[in-house]
């Protein structure tokens, strides 16, 4: 196939940004079997090396200047998107793709550019995500603001996603939301992957260290960090007085930074490589109460060999992860504290869960396996029979 990828951000590796990481791995895997072209937007901080990373994998690369893909309150496409359309049309004429793959919901208005069948990988529904944020709001004004954004996101998805022949999401919850506009036959659940070479298996955790990672400007992560530090961690300290809770990740908001005032709670802020923090832990926790979509950090902890305690919201999109085989599932504060204490007290159980989790990642969540599932969707959409069936 000849595949034109349109990416919200310029892809490169290594990185932690999903808008770059997913298209970068897909480019690297699909280039072995298909001809590729890329249109993407950079940001001012991108280095020359990062901007040129995709070159060896593509026949054509067109890089757009920094741009906005949607307006803040209306979520509708600004003038920047029309400039992107011109670039996409130019590449279509030069490259003649069989199918367009759009990474991220922002470029959805570019679906079917030049009449070419299109797959959009939105990963998670912005409308569903906005609904989750609204559920976490604590004041009437913030609730109203979140409600307005939720309505705007729903209108955007209703208007633009049906232009695609197929859409790829990360969880069944996202599939149900997007299927309202596209129909279930056109929506595919495909998880993200893990670079198993980079995320190598190690069992080096320090006794009593508990780690939670993520982007701590994201409301569900902020809520989860506050919940664990203030309600769950004190329960653990009763049995493990020397326990330490480390919150490691980008952009911690003031509410998260303030948690460092609690004894034995440490907030690292942005770090260049989260692997060291996860390797250093005896237990990785993900106490989310909101949010859908596959949580990349769960997959990374599974690959790295750190035993996990997680809520059901942390495990959406991971249907084949089984509590008691690959990790421990818990919901209430007391259940989470008990599960963490169990892993701290039972190293044989922790070892077994870590080894099983790594095996599952190698079987189901390598980027090679994930790219093959993307490839199947792209191939179906590119074929006249498949495109006709999906549009019927």
Protein backbone atom coordinates (compact mmCIF):
# COMPACT_ATOMS: atom_id res chain seq x y z
CA UNK A 1 0.00 0.00 0.00
CA UNK A 2 0.88 3.63 -0.39
CA UNK A 3 -0.01 5.29 2.93
CA UNK A 4 -0.09 9.03 3.61
CA UNK A 5 0.12 9.75 7.35
CA UNK A 6 -1.08 13.11 8.67
CA UNK A 7 0.11 13.70 12.23
CA UNK A 8 -0.81 16.49 14.65
CA UNK A 9 2.82 16.70 15.75
CA UNK A 10 6.08 15.72 14.09
CA UNK A 11 6.84 12.11 15.12
CA UNK A 12 10.19 11.08 16.51
CA UNK A 13 11.73 8.67 19.01
CA UNK A 14 12.46 8.47 21.84
CA UNK A 15 9.69 10.56 23.37
CA UNK A 16 6.80 10.33 25.85
CA UNK A 17 4.24 12.40 23.93
CA UNK A 18 1.56 10.07 22.54
CA UNK A 19 0.87 12.42 19.62
CA UNK A 20 4.46 11.79 18.50
CA UNK A 21 5.18 8.32 19.86
CA UNK A 22 2.30 6.46 18.20
CA UNK A 23 2.88 7.77 14.64
CA UNK A 24 6.65 7.31 15.04
CA UNK A 25 6.32 3.63 15.89
CA UNK A 26 3.76 3.11 13.13
CA UNK A 27 6.06 4.74 10.58
CA UNK A 28 8.97 2.56 11.67
CA UNK A 29 6.96 -0.68 11.54
CA UNK A 30 4.90 -0.03 8.41
CA UNK A 31 7.82 1.26 6.33
CA UNK A 32 9.14 -2.33 6.13
CA UNK A 33 6.19 -3.33 3.92
CA UNK A 34 4.62 -0.17 2.51
CA UNK A 35 5.48 3.14 0.85
CA UNK A 36 4.89 6.04 3.23
CA UNK A 37 4.50 9.80 3.09
CA UNK A 38 4.13 12.16 6.03
CA UNK A 39 2.57 15.56 6.66
CA UNK A 40 3.01 16.80 10.24
CA UNK A 41 3.28 20.00 12.27
CA UNK A 42 6.29 20.82 14.39
CA UNK A 43 6.58 23.06 17.43
CA UNK A 44 9.12 25.77 18.08
CA UNK A 45 11.09 23.58 20.50
CA UNK A 46 11.64 20.75 18.00
CA UNK A 47 15.29 20.25 17.09
CA UNK A 48 16.50 19.75 13.53
CA UNK A 49 17.21 16.10 14.34
CA UNK A 50 13.67 15.62 15.63
CA UNK A 51 12.16 17.27 12.55
CA UNK A 52 14.21 15.01 10.29
CA UNK A 53 13.65 11.77 12.23
CA UNK A 54 10.93 10.44 9.92
CA UNK A 55 12.91 11.04 6.72
CA UNK A 56 14.44 7.54 6.38
CA UNK A 57 11.01 5.93 6.64
CA UNK A 58 9.15 8.06 4.10
CA UNK A 59 9.30 8.81 0.38
CA UNK A 60 7.81 12.27 0.96
CA UNK A 61 7.90 14.41 4.11
CA UNK A 62 6.24 17.80 4.43
CA UNK A 63 6.60 19.62 7.74
CA UNK A 64 4.14 22.36 8.66
CA UNK A 65 5.04 25.28 10.93
CA UNK A 66 3.60 25.34 14.46
CA UNK A 67 -0.18 25.46 14.22
CA UNK A 68 -3.45 25.03 16.08
CA UNK A 69 -5.73 22.18 15.08
CA UNK A 70 -8.83 23.43 16.89
CA UNK A 71 -10.11 26.55 18.61
CA UNK A 72 -10.22 26.43 22.39
CA UNK A 73 -13.92 27.01 23.10
CA UNK A 74 -15.68 26.03 19.89
CA UNK A 75 -13.25 23.18 19.07
CA UNK A 76 -13.84 24.05 15.41
CA UNK A 77 -10.90 24.07 12.96
CA UNK A 78 -9.12 27.44 12.64
CA UNK A 79 -7.52 28.84 9.49
CA UNK A 80 -4.40 26.77 10.17
CA UNK A 81 -6.26 23.62 9.16
CA UNK A 82 -6.99 25.01 5.71
CA UNK A 83 -3.28 25.64 5.25
CA UNK A 84 -2.69 22.04 6.25
CA UNK A 85 -5.26 20.94 3.66
CA UNK A 86 -3.25 22.68 0.95
CA UNK A 87 -0.12 20.79 2.02
CA UNK A 88 -1.98 17.47 2.12
CA UNK A 89 -3.42 18.04 -1.36
CA UNK A 90 0.07 18.81 -2.62
CA UNK A 91 1.45 15.57 -1.20
CA UNK A 92 -1.49 13.57 -2.57
CA UNK A 93 -0.70 14.79 -6.08
CA UNK A 94 2.99 13.91 -5.71
CA UNK A 95 2.59 10.62 -3.82
CA UNK A 96 -0.79 9.20 -4.96
CA UNK A 97 -1.68 7.35 -1.73
CA UNK A 98 -4.08 4.41 -1.55
CA UNK A 99 -5.19 5.46 1.92
CA UNK A 100 -4.72 8.35 4.37
CA UNK A 101 -4.03 7.65 8.02
CA UNK A 102 -4.71 10.61 10.32
CA UNK A 103 -3.12 10.50 13.78
CA UNK A 104 -5.11 12.50 16.33
CA UNK A 105 -8.55 14.04 16.17
CA UNK A 106 -7.40 17.58 15.34
CA UNK A 107 -6.78 16.90 11.62
CA UNK A 108 -10.13 15.06 11.25
CA UNK A 109 -11.45 17.80 8.89
CA UNK A 110 -8.80 16.59 6.41
CA UNK A 111 -10.47 13.19 6.05
CA UNK A 112 -11.05 12.12 2.44
CA UNK A 113 -8.71 14.82 1.12
CA UNK A 114 -8.46 14.35 -2.62
CA UNK A 115 -11.20 11.71 -2.39
CA UNK A 116 -8.78 9.27 -0.72
CA UNK A 117 -10.27 6.84 1.84
CA UNK A 118 -9.18 7.72 5.35
CA UNK A 119 -8.59 6.10 8.74
CA UNK A 120 -8.50 8.36 11.81
CA UNK A 121 -6.69 7.22 14.95
CA UNK A 122 -8.23 9.44 17.62
CA UNK A 123 -7.31 7.02 20.45
CA UNK A 124 -9.74 8.57 22.91
CA UNK A 125 -12.92 10.53 22.32
CA UNK A 126 -12.48 14.17 23.26
CA UNK A 127 -16.19 14.33 24.12
CA UNK A 128 -15.86 11.41 26.51
CA UNK A 129 -12.71 12.86 28.02
CA UNK A 130 -14.42 16.25 28.55
CA UNK A 131 -17.32 14.46 30.25
CA UNK A 132 -14.85 12.84 32.64
CA UNK A 133 -13.25 16.22 33.42
CA UNK A 134 -16.68 17.66 34.15
CA UNK A 135 -17.30 14.84 36.61
CA UNK A 136 -14.16 15.84 38.52
CA UNK A 137 -14.94 19.55 38.77
CA UNK A 138 -15.43 21.01 42.24
CA UNK A 139 -17.07 24.40 41.60
CA UNK A 140 -20.20 25.45 39.62
CA UNK A 141 -18.19 27.75 37.35
CA UNK A 142 -15.71 25.04 36.41
CA UNK A 143 -18.58 22.60 35.91
CA UNK A 144 -20.25 25.01 33.47
CA UNK A 145 -16.98 25.59 31.62
CA UNK A 146 -16.40 21.83 31.36
CA UNK A 147 -19.95 21.33 30.13
CA UNK A 148 -19.47 23.89 27.35
CA UNK A 149 -16.25 22.20 26.25
CA UNK A 150 -17.95 18.80 26.33
CA UNK A 151 -20.73 20.05 24.05
CA UNK A 152 -18.22 21.61 21.67
CA UNK A 153 -16.17 18.38 21.53
CA UNK A 154 -19.30 16.34 20.84
CA UNK A 155 -20.26 18.71 18.02
CA UNK A 156 -16.75 18.48 16.53
CA UNK A 157 -16.75 14.67 16.53
CA UNK A 158 -20.30 14.49 15.19
CA UNK A 159 -19.39 16.82 12.32
CA UNK A 160 -15.94 15.61 11.29
CA UNK A 161 -15.37 11.96 12.26
CA UNK A 162 -17.96 10.55 9.81
CA UNK A 163 -15.70 11.74 6.98
CA UNK A 164 -13.43 8.78 7.75
CA UNK A 165 -14.05 5.27 6.46
CA UNK A 166 -12.84 3.91 9.82
CA UNK A 167 -11.78 5.18 13.22
CA UNK A 168 -9.32 3.62 15.69
CA UNK A 169 -9.78 4.06 19.44
CA UNK A 170 -8.17 2.59 22.54
CA UNK A 171 -11.08 1.30 24.62
CA UNK A 172 -14.59 -0.10 24.35
CA UNK A 173 -15.90 3.00 26.13
CA UNK A 174 -14.41 5.21 23.42
CA UNK A 175 -15.77 2.87 20.76
CA UNK A 176 -19.30 3.19 22.14
CA UNK A 177 -19.03 6.99 22.08
CA UNK A 178 -17.65 7.25 18.55
CA UNK A 179 -20.02 4.58 17.21
CA UNK A 180 -22.86 7.02 17.84
CA UNK A 181 -21.60 8.95 14.80
CA UNK A 182 -19.95 6.27 12.67
CA UNK A 183 -21.68 3.00 13.50
CA UNK A 184 -19.91 0.15 15.29
CA UNK A 185 -18.59 -1.51 12.10
CA UNK A 186 -16.40 1.51 11.36
CA UNK A 187 -14.83 1.80 14.83
CA UNK A 188 -11.91 -0.46 15.81
CA UNK A 189 -10.33 -0.89 19.25
CA UNK A 190 -6.55 -1.15 18.93
CA UNK A 191 -4.27 -0.68 21.96
CA UNK A 192 -1.05 1.25 22.06
CA UNK A 193 2.19 -0.67 22.17
CA UNK A 194 5.43 -0.79 24.12
CA UNK A 195 8.98 -0.72 22.84
CA UNK A 196 10.09 -3.91 24.61
CA UNK A 197 13.76 -3.28 23.81
CA UNK A 198 13.75 0.17 25.40
CA UNK A 199 11.47 -0.89 28.26
CA UNK A 200 13.54 -3.86 29.36
CA UNK A 201 12.55 -6.11 32.25
CA UNK A 202 14.31 -5.50 35.58
CA UNK A 203 13.45 -6.39 39.18
CA UNK A 204 15.35 -3.71 41.10
CA UNK A 205 12.72 -2.05 43.28
CA UNK A 206 13.71 -0.45 46.58
CA UNK A 207 11.78 -1.83 49.58
CA UNK A 208 8.80 0.31 50.49
CA UNK A 209 8.96 2.62 47.46
CA UNK A 210 5.63 3.21 45.68
CA UNK A 211 5.54 5.14 42.41
CA UNK A 212 2.81 6.78 40.32
CA UNK A 213 3.73 8.38 36.99
CA UNK A 214 1.93 10.46 34.39
CA UNK A 215 1.23 13.98 33.24
CA UNK A 216 0.14 15.85 36.35
CA UNK A 217 -1.65 18.67 34.61
CA UNK A 218 -4.28 16.10 33.53
CA UNK A 219 -7.26 16.25 35.89
CA UNK A 220 -7.70 12.46 36.45
CA UNK A 221 -4.00 12.12 37.34
CA UNK A 222 -4.20 15.11 39.69
CA UNK A 223 -7.21 13.58 41.42
CA UNK A 224 -5.50 10.17 41.67
CA UNK A 225 -2.25 11.60 43.08
CA UNK A 226 -4.14 13.59 45.70
CA UNK A 227 -6.29 10.58 46.57
CA UNK A 228 -3.33 8.26 47.09
CA UNK A 229 -1.18 10.73 49.02
CA UNK A 230 -3.89 11.92 51.40
CA UNK A 231 -6.22 8.92 51.84
CA UNK A 232 -4.41 5.69 50.85
CA UNK A 233 -0.76 6.29 51.73
CA UNK A 234 -1.52 6.92 55.44
CA UNK A 235 -3.18 3.48 55.60
CA UNK A 236 -0.04 1.89 54.17
CA UNK A 237 2.23 3.78 56.56
CA UNK A 238 0.54 2.13 59.52
CA UNK A 239 2.09 -1.19 58.50
CA UNK A 240 5.09 0.13 56.56
CA UNK A 241 6.36 3.24 58.43
CA UNK A 242 9.35 3.46 56.07
CA UNK A 243 7.19 3.50 52.93
CA UNK A 244 7.80 6.27 50.39
CA UNK A 245 5.40 7.58 47.73
CA UNK A 246 6.98 9.10 44.60
CA UNK A 247 4.89 11.14 42.13
CA UNK A 248 6.96 11.36 38.95
CA UNK A 249 5.91 13.07 35.75
CA UNK A 250 5.49 16.20 33.70
CA UNK A 251 3.84 19.51 34.52
CA UNK A 252 2.67 18.99 38.12
CA UNK A 253 0.06 21.63 38.94
CA UNK A 254 0.24 23.44 42.31
CA UNK A 255 -2.21 20.97 43.90
CA UNK A 256 0.20 18.12 43.07
CA UNK A 257 3.37 20.00 44.07
CA UNK A 258 1.74 20.76 47.43
CA UNK A 259 1.56 17.03 48.19
CA UNK A 260 5.33 17.06 48.74
CA UNK A 261 4.62 18.67 52.12
CA UNK A 262 3.26 15.31 53.32
CA UNK A 263 6.01 13.28 55.06
CA UNK A 264 7.61 10.68 52.76
CA UNK A 265 5.77 11.96 49.66
CA UNK A 266 8.10 13.17 46.92
CA UNK A 267 7.11 15.04 43.73
CA UNK A 268 9.85 14.94 41.10
CA UNK A 269 8.35 17.15 38.42
CA UNK A 270 9.36 16.61 34.80
CA UNK A 271 12.17 14.08 34.38
CA UNK A 272 13.90 13.11 31.13
CA UNK A 273 13.35 9.37 31.59
CA UNK A 274 10.62 7.85 33.77
CA UNK A 275 12.00 4.33 33.46
CA UNK A 276 14.41 4.85 36.36
CA UNK A 277 11.58 5.90 38.66
CA UNK A 278 9.48 2.87 37.74
CA UNK A 279 12.40 0.44 38.05
CA UNK A 280 13.17 1.88 41.49
CA UNK A 281 9.71 1.03 42.86
CA UNK A 282 8.55 -2.07 44.69
CA UNK A 283 4.98 -1.25 43.64
CA UNK A 284 3.56 0.86 40.81
CA UNK A 285 0.12 2.31 41.59
CA UNK A 286 -2.57 3.80 39.34
CA UNK A 287 -5.53 4.83 41.52
CA UNK A 288 -7.54 6.60 38.79
CA UNK A 289 -11.21 7.32 39.40
CA UNK A 290 -11.84 8.86 35.97
CA UNK A 291 -10.56 8.65 32.42
CA UNK A 292 -10.76 6.13 29.62
CA UNK A 293 -8.36 4.87 26.97
CA UNK A 294 -5.35 2.62 27.40
CA UNK A 295 -2.98 4.01 30.00
CA UNK A 296 0.48 3.83 28.44
CA UNK A 297 2.14 4.02 31.84
CA UNK A 298 0.44 0.77 32.89
CA UNK A 299 1.88 -1.00 29.84
CA UNK A 300 5.30 0.50 30.50
CA UNK A 301 5.29 -0.65 34.13
CA UNK A 302 4.22 -4.12 32.98
CA UNK A 303 7.13 -4.23 30.54
CA UNK A 304 9.67 -2.85 33.03
CA UNK A 305 8.92 -5.47 35.68
CA UNK A 306 7.33 -3.39 38.43
CA UNK A 307 4.28 -5.05 40.07
CA UNK A 308 1.09 -3.00 39.73
CA UNK A 309 -1.98 -2.14 41.78
CA UNK A 310 -4.62 -0.45 39.63
CA UNK A 311 -8.28 0.51 39.52
CA UNK A 312 -10.66 -0.50 36.74
CA UNK A 313 -10.45 3.00 35.25
CA UNK A 314 -6.70 2.54 34.95
CA UNK A 315 -7.20 -0.71 33.02
CA UNK A 316 -9.70 0.34 30.35
CA UNK A 317 -8.60 -0.96 26.98
CA UNK A 318 -6.61 -3.80 28.55
CA UNK A 319 -9.20 -6.56 28.39
CA UNK A 320 -6.68 -9.41 28.57
CA UNK A 321 -4.97 -8.12 31.72
CA UNK A 322 -6.21 -10.33 34.58
CA UNK A 323 -6.14 -9.41 38.25
CA UNK A 324 -4.18 -12.00 40.19
CA UNK A 325 -2.27 -13.09 37.08
CA UNK A 326 -0.68 -9.86 35.79
CA UNK A 327 -1.39 -7.31 38.54
CA UNK A 328 -3.72 -6.64 41.47
CA UNK A 329 -6.99 -4.82 40.90
CA UNK A 330 -8.54 -2.74 43.70
CA UNK A 331 -11.09 0.08 43.89
CA UNK A 332 -11.65 1.49 47.38
CA UNK A 333 -8.99 3.25 49.41
CA UNK A 334 -8.84 0.33 51.82
CA UNK A 335 -8.61 -2.24 49.01
CA UNK A 336 -5.80 -0.36 47.28
CA UNK A 337 -3.86 0.00 50.54
CA UNK A 338 -4.28 -3.71 51.28
CA UNK A 339 -3.16 -4.70 47.77
CA UNK A 340 -0.04 -2.51 48.01
CA UNK A 341 0.78 -3.93 51.43
CA UNK A 342 0.36 -7.43 50.06
CA UNK A 343 2.93 -6.82 47.34
CA UNK A 344 5.30 -5.20 49.83
CA UNK A 345 4.97 -8.23 52.12
CA UNK A 346 4.95 -11.04 49.52
CA UNK A 347 7.94 -10.76 47.16
CA UNK A 348 7.16 -14.14 45.54
CA UNK A 349 3.74 -12.86 44.48
CA UNK A 350 5.28 -9.62 43.24
CA UNK A 351 7.82 -11.57 41.17
CA UNK A 352 5.15 -13.82 39.64
CA UNK A 353 2.89 -10.92 38.66
CA UNK A 354 5.82 -9.00 37.16
CA UNK A 355 6.97 -11.96 35.06
CA UNK A 356 3.45 -12.73 33.83
CA UNK A 357 2.86 -9.08 32.94
CA UNK A 358 6.06 -8.93 30.88
CA UNK A 359 5.10 -12.10 29.01
CA UNK A 360 1.70 -10.62 28.15
CA UNK A 361 3.31 -7.42 26.84
CA UNK A 362 5.62 -9.45 24.61
CA UNK A 363 2.69 -11.47 23.27
CA UNK A 364 0.09 -8.72 22.74
CA UNK A 365 1.50 -5.21 23.12
CA UNK A 366 4.68 -4.93 21.09
CA UNK A 367 4.60 -2.21 18.45
CA UNK A 368 5.02 -4.90 15.79
CA UNK A 369 1.79 -6.57 16.94
CA UNK A 370 -0.06 -3.26 17.27
CA UNK A 371 1.10 -2.04 13.84
CA UNK A 372 -0.20 -5.25 12.29
CA UNK A 373 -3.67 -4.43 13.61
CA UNK A 374 -3.47 -0.89 12.20
CA UNK A 375 -2.29 -2.38 8.91
CA UNK A 376 -5.33 -4.65 8.72
CA UNK A 377 -7.69 -1.67 9.11
CA UNK A 378 -5.77 0.39 6.54
CA UNK A 379 -5.75 -2.49 4.06
CA UNK A 380 -9.50 -2.98 4.39
CA UNK A 381 -10.21 0.72 3.89
CA UNK A 382 -7.83 0.90 0.89
CA UNK A 383 -9.55 -1.97 -0.90
CA UNK A 384 -12.61 -1.04 -3.01
CA UNK A 385 -14.65 -3.87 -1.46
CA UNK A 386 -13.76 -2.89 2.09
CA UNK A 387 -14.35 0.83 1.53
CA UNK A 388 -17.73 0.13 -0.02
CA UNK A 389 -18.76 -2.13 2.87
CA UNK A 390 -17.69 0.39 5.51
CA UNK A 391 -19.46 3.30 3.81
CA UNK A 392 -22.69 1.34 3.32
